[in-house]
Amino acid sequence: MDATATQTLADCSLPAREELMTLCELNGDLITTQFTNDDLSKRIVQGFVFPKVTLALETLSSLATDEDAPSAFLPCDARVPLWKKCWYLFKEHGTCGLLNELTKTNAEAPWLVSAFACYCLAAIRWASSLRGSFYPHIVLPIEEIVSLFSLTCNWEESAIRAFAWHPHTNKCAVAWKDDAIRVFTANSDVVPTLKHRLQRCVACMTWKPLSASDLAVACQTCILIWHIDPSSLSTRPSASCAQILSQSGHGPITSLAWDPKGRILVSASPCDTAMQVWDVARESCVALRRSGGGGVSLLRWSADNTKLFAATPSKMFRVWETRMWSCERWLDLSSRCQAACWSPDSNTLLFCTENEPIIYGLGFKDIGMTTGGARAAVQCADMSKIMLQCHGQDTSAGGVIQDMAWDPTGERLAVLFKPSQKNTQDLIALFSTRLEPVLEVIPSGFVRGEPGQKPELISFQPNFRQGALLTVCWQSGKVSFIPLMFMPSQAINDTSSSTYKNPTQTSTLPTELFSQS
């Protein structure tokens, strides 16, 4: 893959002062204003309709306490059969939880059963410690595993843990710290709240393509497929609206990916070396397993449906071709792959590692039954931390990357940094990108939120028609919509075509593209 010279953050325009916030991009410039200037904000976004994301009162109260649900109930002294207790322990705490309870001196199990459970538990712990010496993340508590591999900066403390735009309509799903999910739709006051007893440690959500109602949620022990009727006025869909997909040993689940046609769903867990490919309608799955890597932590499907990127917790990632499901490996990274995104034409993969402030690019060519990936990646941008003098203020920017988002036009790239020193995490770096004739990653500027706000998640709306819509979730629970208004290069090249439409004109997808099932 050809690429221009490596760019650095020093080539970006200076960020706004700390008391200013970024409103939008207009004519290639980032427009900023005082966060209290509502008049300018209304003029800038006039004509745009966004979902109104609000933090519910019950969510606020749940964030203020760490009390577990079982503590709200009084203990029951009624005699429960041993087999029922074992079944409950297995469902709630898994095999290790069951064996641990059976080994206690006050357990009701016969001494022979307790002794057998003790030996089994010792064997499992020995095997786990042996595997944990190669892959330390496996022995961590569940919440620490999810936090380590989540794309949210501070998953355990953030009010918002996951965010997902619908691919076709103007609505989004937000997962809160209390494991409740709320669905916000533009021009609608109906906000469904999704709750389920298995909806714990939500790490990822994704809407099913070519469907108006299906939302896949990655949970601690399973995948929940919520079927939400868009015409319903109910704000509390029952648990019967959720389809449960689970596989023994496959959890916690940290990444999900629908294929672009919405036919199959792939799930990944850092503690399982196999990706599970689900036929959701039949509730069946096929395991794609390869030795090495210690698990699968991140999935990204290319837009043309021919390639699937799969990162591992080790210094390796794979790219699968989806015709015969063979894969190619890239080894010898400096550390595990932290984030990745495909270009809209599916010929370029951008990725970064956990401990390097570098964006790498990898080119792909369609050459039949292989992925056609280049042997080595090229360095596209250097995100090393720099100090900037901005209006008499010292501001640091850059560092190790937490996540990247590439807009559907392939012309804007947003980079979110891991929190470290003061002011570093306040800024989101924005780049202009070009794919032809060679890949160009051109520093554009920095996006800043309200004073004191820390960005936790970034994403682009898939169906924004006036350029690109950058969405930022903040640590406090606020969600910002920042329109980046520009004329896409493809639209400029197609101006001579009689079928060209002005991108400022809104258009809707035909209803036959959506299925209600």
Protein backbone atom coordinates (compact mmCIF):
# COMPACT_ATOMS: atom_id res chain seq x y z
CA MET A 1 0.00 0.00 0.00
CA ASP A 2 1.34 3.41 -0.95
CA ALA A 3 1.10 6.24 1.56
CA THR A 4 2.35 9.73 1.94
CA ALA A 5 4.92 10.83 4.51
CA THR A 6 4.03 10.22 8.16
CA GLN A 7 1.98 13.05 9.67
CA THR A 8 2.20 14.27 13.28
CA LEU A 9 -0.09 16.21 15.61
CA ALA A 10 2.24 19.20 15.29
CA ASP A 11 0.70 19.70 11.82
CA CYS A 12 -2.79 20.18 13.30
CA SER A 13 -4.28 23.61 13.80
CA LEU A 14 -4.19 24.79 17.42
CA PRO A 15 -7.01 23.59 19.68
CA ALA A 16 -9.59 25.96 21.13
CA ARG A 17 -9.16 27.46 24.59
CA GLU A 18 -10.38 25.43 27.54
CA GLU A 19 -13.48 27.60 28.01
CA LEU A 20 -14.61 26.93 24.42
CA MET A 21 -16.29 23.90 22.89
CA THR A 22 -16.38 22.58 19.31
CA LEU A 23 -19.71 22.97 17.52
CA CYS A 24 -19.08 21.76 13.98
CA GLU A 25 -16.85 21.84 10.93
CA LEU A 26 -17.76 24.37 8.25
CA ASN A 27 -15.77 25.02 5.06
CA GLY A 28 -12.84 23.05 6.43
CA ASP A 29 -12.69 25.02 9.71
CA LEU A 30 -13.73 23.84 13.17
CA ILE A 31 -16.24 26.31 14.67
CA THR A 32 -16.02 26.85 18.43
CA THR A 33 -18.00 28.92 20.92
CA GLN A 34 -18.61 29.43 24.61
CA PHE A 35 -20.51 26.41 25.93
CA THR A 36 -23.20 28.81 27.25
CA ASN A 37 -23.79 30.37 23.80
CA ASP A 38 -27.05 28.61 22.92
CA ASP A 39 -27.94 31.10 20.14
CA LEU A 40 -24.90 30.23 18.02
CA SER A 41 -25.42 26.54 18.67
CA LYS A 42 -29.01 26.73 17.44
CA ARG A 43 -28.02 28.63 14.29
CA ILE A 44 -25.26 26.17 13.42
CA VAL A 45 -27.37 23.04 13.81
CA GLN A 46 -30.54 24.55 12.35
CA GLY A 47 -32.09 22.00 10.02
CA PHE A 48 -30.45 19.01 11.71
CA VAL A 49 -32.52 16.62 13.79
CA PHE A 50 -30.71 14.50 16.37
CA PRO A 51 -31.99 12.07 19.00
CA LYS A 52 -32.31 13.76 22.38
CA VAL A 53 -30.19 11.61 24.70
CA THR A 54 -31.00 12.18 28.38
CA LEU A 55 -29.96 10.46 31.58
CA ALA A 56 -33.01 8.93 33.27
CA LEU A 57 -33.72 9.62 36.95
CA GLU A 58 -33.63 5.91 37.80
CA THR A 59 -30.26 5.64 36.07
CA LEU A 60 -28.91 8.54 38.13
CA SER A 61 -30.04 6.90 41.35
CA SER A 62 -28.51 3.56 40.37
CA LEU A 63 -25.20 5.23 39.52
CA ALA A 64 -25.06 6.71 43.00
CA THR A 65 -25.05 3.33 44.74
CA ASP A 66 -23.05 0.16 44.29
CA GLU A 67 -25.51 -2.05 46.14
CA ASP A 68 -26.10 -5.39 44.44
CA ALA A 69 -29.61 -6.57 43.64
CA PRO A 70 -29.43 -9.72 45.84
CA SER A 71 -28.81 -7.56 48.93
CA ALA A 72 -32.28 -6.08 48.54
CA PHE A 73 -33.87 -9.42 49.50
CA LEU A 74 -34.06 -11.03 52.91
CA PRO A 75 -32.38 -14.44 53.30
CA CYS A 76 -34.71 -17.40 53.04
CA ASP A 77 -34.44 -20.09 55.73
CA ALA A 78 -36.66 -22.56 53.89
CA ARG A 79 -34.95 -25.87 53.14
CA VAL A 80 -34.00 -26.05 49.46
CA PRO A 81 -32.97 -29.37 47.91
CA LEU A 82 -29.24 -29.69 47.23
CA TRP A 83 -29.71 -30.27 43.51
CA LYS A 84 -31.66 -26.99 43.21
CA LYS A 85 -28.91 -25.10 45.02
CA CYS A 86 -26.30 -26.64 42.72
CA TRP A 87 -28.29 -25.72 39.64
CA TYR A 88 -28.69 -22.13 40.84
CA LEU A 89 -24.97 -21.82 41.66
CA PHE A 90 -24.00 -23.20 38.27
CA LYS A 91 -26.30 -20.80 36.41
CA GLU A 92 -25.24 -17.75 38.44
CA HIS A 93 -21.55 -18.38 39.13
CA GLY A 94 -20.48 -21.08 36.69
CA THR A 95 -18.59 -24.31 37.32
CA CYS A 96 -15.99 -22.76 39.63
CA GLY A 97 -18.67 -21.13 41.77
CA LEU A 98 -20.49 -24.45 42.15
CA LEU A 99 -17.33 -26.38 43.06
CA ASN A 100 -16.24 -23.68 45.50
CA GLU A 101 -19.56 -23.89 47.37
CA LEU A 102 -19.42 -27.69 47.53
CA THR A 103 -15.98 -27.59 49.12
CA LYS A 104 -17.13 -25.47 52.07
CA THR A 105 -17.32 -27.21 55.45
CA ASN A 106 -20.93 -26.16 55.99
CA ALA A 107 -22.08 -27.55 52.65
CA GLU A 108 -24.88 -30.11 52.68
CA ALA A 109 -23.14 -32.31 50.12
CA PRO A 110 -21.82 -35.75 51.20
CA TRP A 111 -18.12 -35.84 52.07
CA LEU A 112 -17.34 -37.87 48.95
CA VAL A 113 -18.93 -35.21 46.72
CA SER A 114 -17.08 -32.44 48.60
CA ALA A 115 -13.75 -34.23 48.24
CA PHE A 116 -14.32 -34.75 44.51
CA ALA A 117 -15.27 -31.08 44.12
CA CYS A 118 -12.11 -30.06 45.97
CA TYR A 119 -9.88 -32.08 43.63
CA CYS A 120 -11.71 -30.75 40.54
CA LEU A 121 -11.39 -27.15 41.76
CA ALA A 122 -7.69 -27.62 42.42
CA ALA A 123 -7.19 -29.04 38.92
CA ILE A 124 -9.08 -26.16 37.32
CA ARG A 125 -7.07 -23.59 39.27
CA TRP A 126 -3.79 -25.27 38.32
CA ALA A 127 -4.77 -25.31 34.64
CA SER A 128 -5.91 -21.67 34.85
CA SER A 129 -2.67 -20.59 36.49
CA LEU A 130 -0.67 -22.40 33.82
CA ARG A 131 -2.62 -20.72 31.03
CA GLY A 132 -2.59 -17.45 32.94
CA SER A 133 1.20 -17.43 32.93
CA PHE A 134 1.01 -17.10 29.13
CA TYR A 135 -2.13 -14.90 29.01
CA PRO A 136 -2.41 -12.90 32.26
CA HIS A 137 -5.79 -11.38 31.36
CA ILE A 138 -7.52 -14.74 31.81
CA VAL A 139 -7.11 -14.75 35.61
CA LEU A 140 -8.51 -11.23 36.03
CA PRO A 141 -12.03 -10.63 37.41
CA ILE A 142 -14.77 -10.39 34.79
CA GLU A 143 -15.25 -6.62 35.09
CA GLU A 144 -11.53 -5.98 34.77
CA ILE A 145 -11.39 -8.09 31.60
CA VAL A 146 -14.26 -6.15 30.06
CA SER A 147 -12.72 -2.83 31.08
CA LEU A 148 -9.33 -3.83 29.65
CA PHE A 149 -10.70 -4.73 26.20
CA SER A 150 -13.58 -2.27 25.97
CA LEU A 151 -13.22 0.67 23.58
CA THR A 152 -14.62 2.96 26.28
CA CYS A 153 -11.82 4.92 27.95
CA ASN A 154 -12.89 4.32 31.54
CA TRP A 155 -15.51 1.59 31.23
CA GLU A 156 -15.91 0.90 34.96
CA GLU A 157 -16.48 4.54 35.94
CA SER A 158 -18.13 6.04 32.85
CA ALA A 159 -21.88 6.72 32.93
CA ILE A 160 -22.11 5.41 29.34
CA ARG A 161 -20.57 2.02 28.62
CA ALA A 162 -21.59 1.42 25.01
CA PHE A 163 -23.21 3.35 22.15
CA ALA A 164 -24.62 2.22 18.80
CA TRP A 165 -26.12 4.13 15.87
CA HIS A 166 -28.80 2.42 13.82
CA PRO A 167 -27.37 1.87 10.30
CA HIS A 168 -30.42 3.22 8.43
CA THR A 169 -32.63 5.34 10.68
CA ASN A 170 -32.00 8.32 12.96
CA LYS A 171 -31.92 6.50 16.28
CA CYS A 172 -29.30 5.20 18.68
CA ALA A 173 -28.96 2.85 21.63
CA VAL A 174 -27.11 3.84 24.81
CA ALA A 175 -25.96 1.35 27.47
CA TRP A 176 -25.62 2.90 30.91
CA LYS A 177 -23.52 1.94 33.91
CA ASP A 178 -26.50 0.22 35.58
CA ASP A 179 -26.68 -2.21 32.59
CA ALA A 180 -29.92 -0.67 31.32
CA ILE A 181 -30.16 0.21 27.61
CA ARG A 182 -32.29 3.07 26.33
CA VAL A 183 -33.19 3.62 22.66
CA PHE A 184 -33.51 7.25 21.52
CA THR A 185 -35.20 8.18 18.24
CA ALA A 186 -35.25 11.59 16.57
CA ASN A 187 -38.67 13.31 16.62
CA SER A 188 -40.01 10.80 19.14
CA ASP A 189 -40.64 11.07 22.87
CA VAL A 190 -40.95 7.28 23.27
CA VAL A 191 -37.73 5.95 24.83
CA PRO A 192 -37.78 2.15 25.31
CA THR A 193 -35.73 0.94 28.28
CA LEU A 194 -34.28 -2.56 27.89
CA LYS A 195 -33.53 -4.60 31.01
CA HIS A 196 -32.83 -8.29 31.46
CA ARG A 197 -31.45 -10.42 34.30
CA LEU A 198 -28.59 -11.60 32.02
CA GLN A 199 -27.78 -8.09 30.78
CA ARG A 200 -24.61 -7.56 32.81
CA CYS A 201 -21.23 -6.04 31.98
CA VAL A 202 -22.43 -4.69 28.62
CA ALA A 203 -19.32 -4.13 26.48
CA CYS A 204 -20.69 -3.71 22.96
CA MET A 205 -23.92 -3.22 21.00
CA THR A 206 -24.68 -3.38 17.29
CA TRP A 207 -27.88 -3.05 15.25
CA LYS A 208 -28.69 -5.66 12.62
CA PRO A 209 -28.27 -4.29 9.06
CA LEU A 210 -31.37 -4.14 6.85
CA SER A 211 -33.61 -4.48 9.89
CA ALA A 212 -35.54 -1.87 11.83
CA SER A 213 -35.80 -3.66 15.14
CA ASP A 214 -32.96 -6.04 16.07
CA LEU A 215 -30.23 -4.99 18.52
CA ALA A 216 -27.43 -7.37 19.56
CA VAL A 217 -25.93 -6.80 23.03
CA ALA A 218 -22.67 -8.35 24.26
CA CYS A 219 -23.04 -9.39 27.90
CA GLN A 220 -21.03 -11.23 30.52
CA THR A 221 -22.30 -14.74 29.78
CA CYS A 222 -24.38 -14.44 26.62
CA ILE A 223 -25.61 -12.37 23.68
CA LEU A 224 -29.04 -10.77 23.92
CA ILE A 225 -30.91 -10.05 20.68
CA TRP A 226 -33.57 -7.47 21.47
CA HIS A 227 -36.50 -7.33 19.05
CA ILE A 228 -37.86 -3.80 19.44
CA ASP A 229 -41.00 -2.96 17.49
CA PRO A 230 -40.38 0.56 16.12
CA SER A 231 -44.11 1.25 15.97
CA SER A 232 -44.74 0.25 19.60
CA LEU A 233 -45.45 2.91 22.21
CA SER A 234 -44.23 0.73 25.08
CA THR A 235 -41.32 2.11 27.08
CA ARG A 236 -40.57 -1.15 28.90
CA PRO A 237 -40.37 -4.10 26.49
CA SER A 238 -40.65 -7.35 28.40
CA ALA A 239 -37.85 -9.88 28.74
CA SER A 240 -39.69 -12.07 26.22
CA CYS A 241 -38.57 -9.60 23.52
CA ALA A 242 -34.96 -10.68 24.12
CA GLN A 243 -33.50 -13.74 22.42
CA ILE A 244 -30.67 -15.41 24.36
CA LEU A 245 -27.61 -16.83 22.57
CA SER A 246 -25.04 -18.56 24.76
CA GLN A 247 -22.21 -21.03 24.40
CA SER A 248 -20.31 -22.69 27.23
CA GLY A 249 -16.93 -21.07 27.85
CA HIS A 250 -17.69 -18.17 25.55
CA GLY A 251 -17.58 -15.11 27.80
CA PRO A 252 -17.28 -12.35 28.72
CA ILE A 253 -18.15 -11.15 25.24
CA THR A 254 -16.41 -7.90 24.29
CA SER A 255 -17.08 -7.56 20.55
CA LEU A 256 -19.89 -8.28 18.09
CA ALA A 257 -20.08 -7.88 14.32
CA TRP A 258 -23.00 -8.41 11.94
CA ASP A 259 -22.09 -9.14 8.35
CA PRO A 260 -23.14 -6.17 6.16
CA LYS A 261 -26.15 -8.11 4.86
CA GLY A 262 -27.39 -9.01 8.33
CA ARG A 263 -27.37 -12.75 7.76
CA ILE A 264 -24.90 -13.90 10.43
CA LEU A 265 -23.53 -12.51 13.69
CA VAL A 266 -19.98 -13.10 14.93
CA SER A 267 -19.07 -12.80 18.63
CA ALA A 268 -15.69 -12.73 20.35
CA SER A 269 -14.35 -13.16 23.89
CA PRO A 270 -10.78 -12.53 25.12
CA CYS A 271 -11.06 -15.78 27.11
CA ASP A 272 -12.09 -17.97 24.15
CA THR A 273 -9.80 -18.76 21.22
CA ALA A 274 -12.84 -19.43 19.02
CA MET A 275 -15.04 -16.86 17.33
CA GLN A 276 -18.67 -17.97 17.32
CA VAL A 277 -20.54 -17.50 14.03
CA TRP A 278 -24.25 -17.38 14.85
CA ASP A 279 -27.32 -18.21 12.81
CA VAL A 280 -29.56 -16.07 14.98
CA ALA A 281 -32.87 -17.39 13.64
CA ARG A 282 -31.90 -20.98 14.47
CA GLU A 283 -29.98 -20.04 17.63
CA SER A 284 -27.08 -22.20 16.47
CA CYS A 285 -23.41 -21.37 16.04
CA VAL A 286 -20.23 -22.63 14.42
CA ALA A 287 -16.87 -22.09 16.11
CA LEU A 288 -13.98 -20.65 14.10
CA ARG A 289 -10.97 -21.65 16.17
CA ARG A 290 -7.27 -21.09 15.64
CA SER A 291 -4.53 -21.91 18.12
CA GLY A 292 -2.56 -19.06 19.62
CA GLY A 293 -3.52 -15.58 20.65
CA GLY A 294 -5.25 -16.38 23.94
CA GLY A 295 -8.68 -15.33 22.68
CA VAL A 296 -10.34 -12.81 20.35
CA SER A 297 -10.82 -9.25 21.59
CA LEU A 298 -12.03 -7.12 18.66
CA LEU A 299 -13.99 -7.72 15.44
CA ARG A 300 -14.37 -5.45 12.41
CA TRP A 301 -16.22 -6.49 9.22
CA SER A 302 -15.29 -4.84 5.93
CA ALA A 303 -18.05 -2.99 4.08
CA ASP A 304 -17.86 -5.27 1.02
CA ASN A 305 -18.52 -8.37 3.18
CA THR A 306 -15.34 -10.15 2.04
CA LYS A 307 -13.04 -9.69 5.07
CA LEU A 308 -13.32 -9.92 8.84
CA PHE A 309 -10.63 -8.45 11.10
CA ALA A 310 -10.06 -10.26 14.41
CA ALA A 311 -7.63 -8.94 17.04
CA THR A 312 -6.28 -11.12 19.85
CA PRO A 313 -4.98 -10.28 23.35
CA SER A 314 -1.48 -11.18 22.12
CA LYS A 315 0.84 -9.47 19.63
CA MET A 316 -1.06 -10.87 16.67
CA PHE A 317 -4.21 -10.30 14.65
CA ARG A 318 -5.93 -12.19 11.87
CA VAL A 319 -7.93 -11.19 8.81
CA TRP A 320 -10.43 -13.79 7.61
CA GLU A 321 -11.79 -14.04 4.09
CA THR A 322 -15.48 -14.89 4.22
CA ARG A 323 -15.79 -17.07 1.12
CA MET A 324 -13.96 -20.19 2.35
CA TRP A 325 -13.20 -18.83 5.86
CA SER A 326 -9.44 -19.05 5.69
CA CYS A 327 -7.30 -16.46 7.46
CA GLU A 328 -3.96 -14.71 7.32
CA ARG A 329 -1.95 -13.68 10.39
CA TRP A 330 0.12 -10.61 11.15
CA LEU A 331 2.67 -11.17 13.93
CA ASP A 332 5.44 -9.34 15.75
CA LEU A 333 3.40 -6.31 16.79
CA SER A 334 4.86 -4.24 19.62
CA SER A 335 1.77 -5.06 21.73
CA ARG A 336 -1.81 -6.22 21.21
CA CYS A 337 -3.99 -4.44 18.66
CA GLN A 338 -6.10 -1.84 20.47
CA ALA A 339 -8.36 -0.44 17.72
CA ALA A 340 -8.97 -0.87 13.99
CA CYS A 341 -11.26 0.41 11.23
CA TRP A 342 -11.81 -0.40 7.54
CA SER A 343 -11.98 2.12 4.74
CA PRO A 344 -15.35 2.37 2.92
CA ASP A 345 -13.89 0.63 -0.15
CA SER A 346 -12.58 -2.21 2.09
CA ASN A 347 -9.09 -1.97 0.57
CA THR A 348 -7.39 -0.33 3.57
CA LEU A 349 -7.22 -1.26 7.23
CA LEU A 350 -6.05 1.26 9.82
CA PHE A 351 -5.01 -0.10 13.21
CA CYS A 352 -3.05 0.86 16.32
CA THR A 353 -1.45 -1.07 19.15
CA GLU A 354 -1.94 -0.80 22.89
CA ASN A 355 1.39 0.84 23.78
CA GLU A 356 2.37 2.79 20.64
CA PRO A 357 1.09 6.25 19.57
CA ILE A 358 1.21 5.21 15.91
CA ILE A 359 -1.53 4.64 13.31
CA TYR A 360 -0.60 1.88 10.86
CA GLY A 361 -2.13 1.17 7.47
CA LEU A 362 -2.46 -2.18 5.71
CA GLY A 363 -3.50 -2.52 2.06
CA PHE A 364 -5.66 -5.31 0.64
CA LYS A 365 -6.40 -6.46 -2.88
CA ASP A 366 -9.12 -8.86 -3.97
CA ILE A 367 -7.22 -11.80 -5.47
CA GLY A 368 -9.72 -14.62 -5.06
CA MET A 369 -9.92 -16.98 -2.09
CA THR A 370 -7.35 -15.12 0.04
CA THR A 371 -7.46 -11.81 1.86
CA GLY A 372 -4.74 -10.35 -0.36
CA GLY A 373 -3.18 -8.39 2.47
CA ALA A 374 0.21 -6.72 2.22
CA ARG A 375 3.09 -8.40 4.04
CA ALA A 376 3.85 -5.39 6.24
CA ALA A 377 1.96 -2.35 7.47
CA VAL A 378 3.09 1.21 6.84
CA GLN A 379 3.17 4.03 9.38
CA CYS A 380 0.49 6.59 8.51
CA ALA A 381 0.46 9.01 11.45
CA ASP A 382 2.45 9.64 14.60
CA MET A 383 0.23 10.46 17.60
CA SER A 384 3.09 11.07 20.04
CA LYS A 385 2.28 13.50 22.82
CA ILE A 386 3.16 17.13 22.13
CA MET A 387 2.85 20.38 24.07
CA LEU A 388 0.97 23.23 22.39
CA GLN A 389 0.90 26.93 23.21
CA CYS A 390 -2.71 27.96 22.69
CA HIS A 391 -3.67 31.55 23.56
CA GLY A 392 -1.17 31.60 26.41
CA GLN A 393 -2.27 28.21 27.73
CA ASP A 394 -0.09 25.10 27.74
CA THR A 395 -2.07 22.19 26.36
CA SER A 396 -0.87 18.63 25.85
CA ALA A 397 -2.31 16.50 23.06
CA GLY A 398 -1.79 13.01 21.74
CA GLY A 399 -0.41 9.85 23.27
CA VAL A 400 -1.48 6.21 23.20
CA ILE A 401 -4.68 5.64 21.21
CA GLN A 402 -7.88 4.26 22.76
CA ASP A 403 -10.11 4.10 19.66
CA MET A 404 -10.44 5.31 16.07
CA ALA A 405 -13.53 6.00 13.97
CA TRP A 406 -13.58 6.42 10.17
CA ASP A 407 -16.65 8.05 8.68
CA PRO A 408 -18.61 6.27 5.89
CA THR A 409 -17.33 8.67 3.19
CA GLY A 410 -13.73 7.80 4.04
CA GLU A 411 -12.80 11.49 4.41
CA ARG A 412 -12.75 12.06 8.18
CA LEU A 413 -10.90 10.09 10.87
CA ALA A 414 -11.40 10.74 14.59
CA VAL A 415 -8.87 9.53 17.17
CA LEU A 416 -9.60 9.12 20.89
CA PHE A 417 -6.66 8.95 23.30
CA LYS A 418 -6.22 6.98 26.49
CA PRO A 419 -6.36 9.04 29.68
CA SER A 420 -3.01 9.83 31.21
CA GLN A 421 -1.88 13.30 32.23
CA LYS A 422 -3.96 16.45 32.61
CA ASN A 423 -5.67 17.78 29.45
CA THR A 424 -4.53 14.88 27.28
CA GLN A 425 -7.86 13.12 27.23
CA ASP A 426 -9.87 16.35 26.80
CA LEU A 427 -9.06 16.55 23.07
CA ILE A 428 -10.09 14.35 20.15
CA ALA A 429 -7.82 14.55 17.11
CA LEU A 430 -9.52 14.97 13.74
CA PHE A 431 -7.94 14.08 10.37
CA SER A 432 -8.91 14.50 6.73
CA THR A 433 -8.27 11.34 4.75
CA ARG A 434 -7.98 10.49 1.06
CA LEU A 435 -7.88 7.01 -0.46
CA GLU A 436 -6.97 7.86 -4.07
CA PRO A 437 -4.51 7.87 -5.66
CA VAL A 438 -2.63 7.02 -2.45
CA LEU A 439 -3.69 6.96 1.19
CA GLU A 440 -3.38 10.37 2.86
CA VAL A 441 -3.98 11.07 6.55
CA ILE A 442 -3.90 14.86 6.93
CA PRO A 443 -4.11 16.50 10.39
CA SER A 444 -7.12 18.80 10.58
CA GLY A 445 -7.65 19.93 14.19
CA PHE A 446 -8.87 19.05 17.65
CA VAL A 447 -12.40 18.58 18.99
CA ARG A 448 -13.02 19.84 22.52
CA GLY A 449 -16.11 19.46 24.70
CA GLU A 450 -17.53 21.51 27.53
CA PRO A 451 -15.08 22.49 30.29
CA GLY A 452 -14.30 19.53 32.54
CA GLN A 453 -15.85 16.95 30.21
CA LYS A 454 -13.81 13.83 29.38
CA PRO A 455 -14.57 11.92 26.14
CA GLU A 456 -15.23 8.22 26.62
CA LEU A 457 -16.54 6.96 23.25
CA ILE A 458 -16.54 8.16 19.65
CA SER A 459 -18.44 7.04 16.56
CA PHE A 460 -19.81 8.33 13.25
CA GLN A 461 -23.46 8.11 12.21
CA PRO A 462 -23.64 5.70 9.26
CA ASN A 463 -26.32 7.56 7.27
CA PHE A 464 -25.52 11.26 7.69
CA ARG A 465 -26.08 13.01 4.32
CA GLN A 466 -24.33 16.37 4.74
CA GLY A 467 -20.78 15.11 5.28
CA ALA A 468 -20.09 13.28 8.54
CA LEU A 469 -21.62 13.38 12.02
CA LEU A 470 -19.15 12.79 14.84
CA THR A 471 -20.77 11.51 18.03
CA VAL A 472 -18.94 11.84 21.35
CA CYS A 473 -20.05 10.25 24.63
CA TRP A 474 -18.72 12.04 27.72
CA GLN A 475 -17.92 10.67 31.15
CA SER A 476 -20.83 12.55 32.75
CA GLY A 477 -23.38 10.81 30.50
CA LYS A 478 -23.83 13.62 27.96
CA VAL A 479 -23.76 12.86 24.23
CA SER A 480 -22.61 15.47 21.69
CA PHE A 481 -23.42 15.50 17.97
CA ILE A 482 -20.82 17.43 15.98
CA PRO A 483 -21.67 17.82 12.26
CA LEU A 484 -18.66 17.94 9.96
CA MET A 485 -20.09 19.61 6.85
CA PHE A 486 -18.17 19.11 3.62
CA MET A 487 -18.73 17.96 0.05
CA PRO A 488 -17.51 14.35 -0.32
CA SER A 489 -15.01 13.82 -3.13
CA GLN A 490 -17.22 11.19 -4.73
CA ALA A 491 -20.09 13.67 -4.96
CA ILE A 492 -17.80 16.24 -6.58
CA ASN A 493 -16.64 13.67 -9.14
CA ASP A 494 -20.23 12.74 -9.92
CA THR A 495 -21.53 16.27 -10.50
CA SER A 496 -21.67 15.64 -14.25
CA SER A 497 -24.04 12.72 -13.73
CA SER A 498 -27.73 13.38 -14.19
CA THR A 499 -28.50 11.23 -11.16
CA TYR A 500 -26.45 13.40 -8.81
CA LYS A 501 -28.32 14.72 -5.79
CA ASN A 502 -27.34 17.62 -3.58
CA PRO A 503 -26.00 16.14 -0.31
CA THR A 504 -27.81 18.81 1.67
CA GLN A 505 -31.12 17.29 0.60
CA THR A 506 -32.34 14.60 2.95
CA SER A 507 -33.27 11.26 1.52
CA THR A 508 -34.80 8.17 3.03
CA LEU A 509 -34.16 4.54 2.31
CA PRO A 510 -37.03 2.58 0.76
CA THR A 511 -39.05 0.62 3.28
CA GLU A 512 -38.48 -2.66 1.41
CA LEU A 513 -34.89 -2.65 2.68
CA PHE A 514 -36.09 -3.25 6.21
CA SER A 515 -37.37 -6.46 7.70
CA GLN A 516 -39.43 -6.45 10.86
CA SER A 517 -38.24 -9.87 11.99
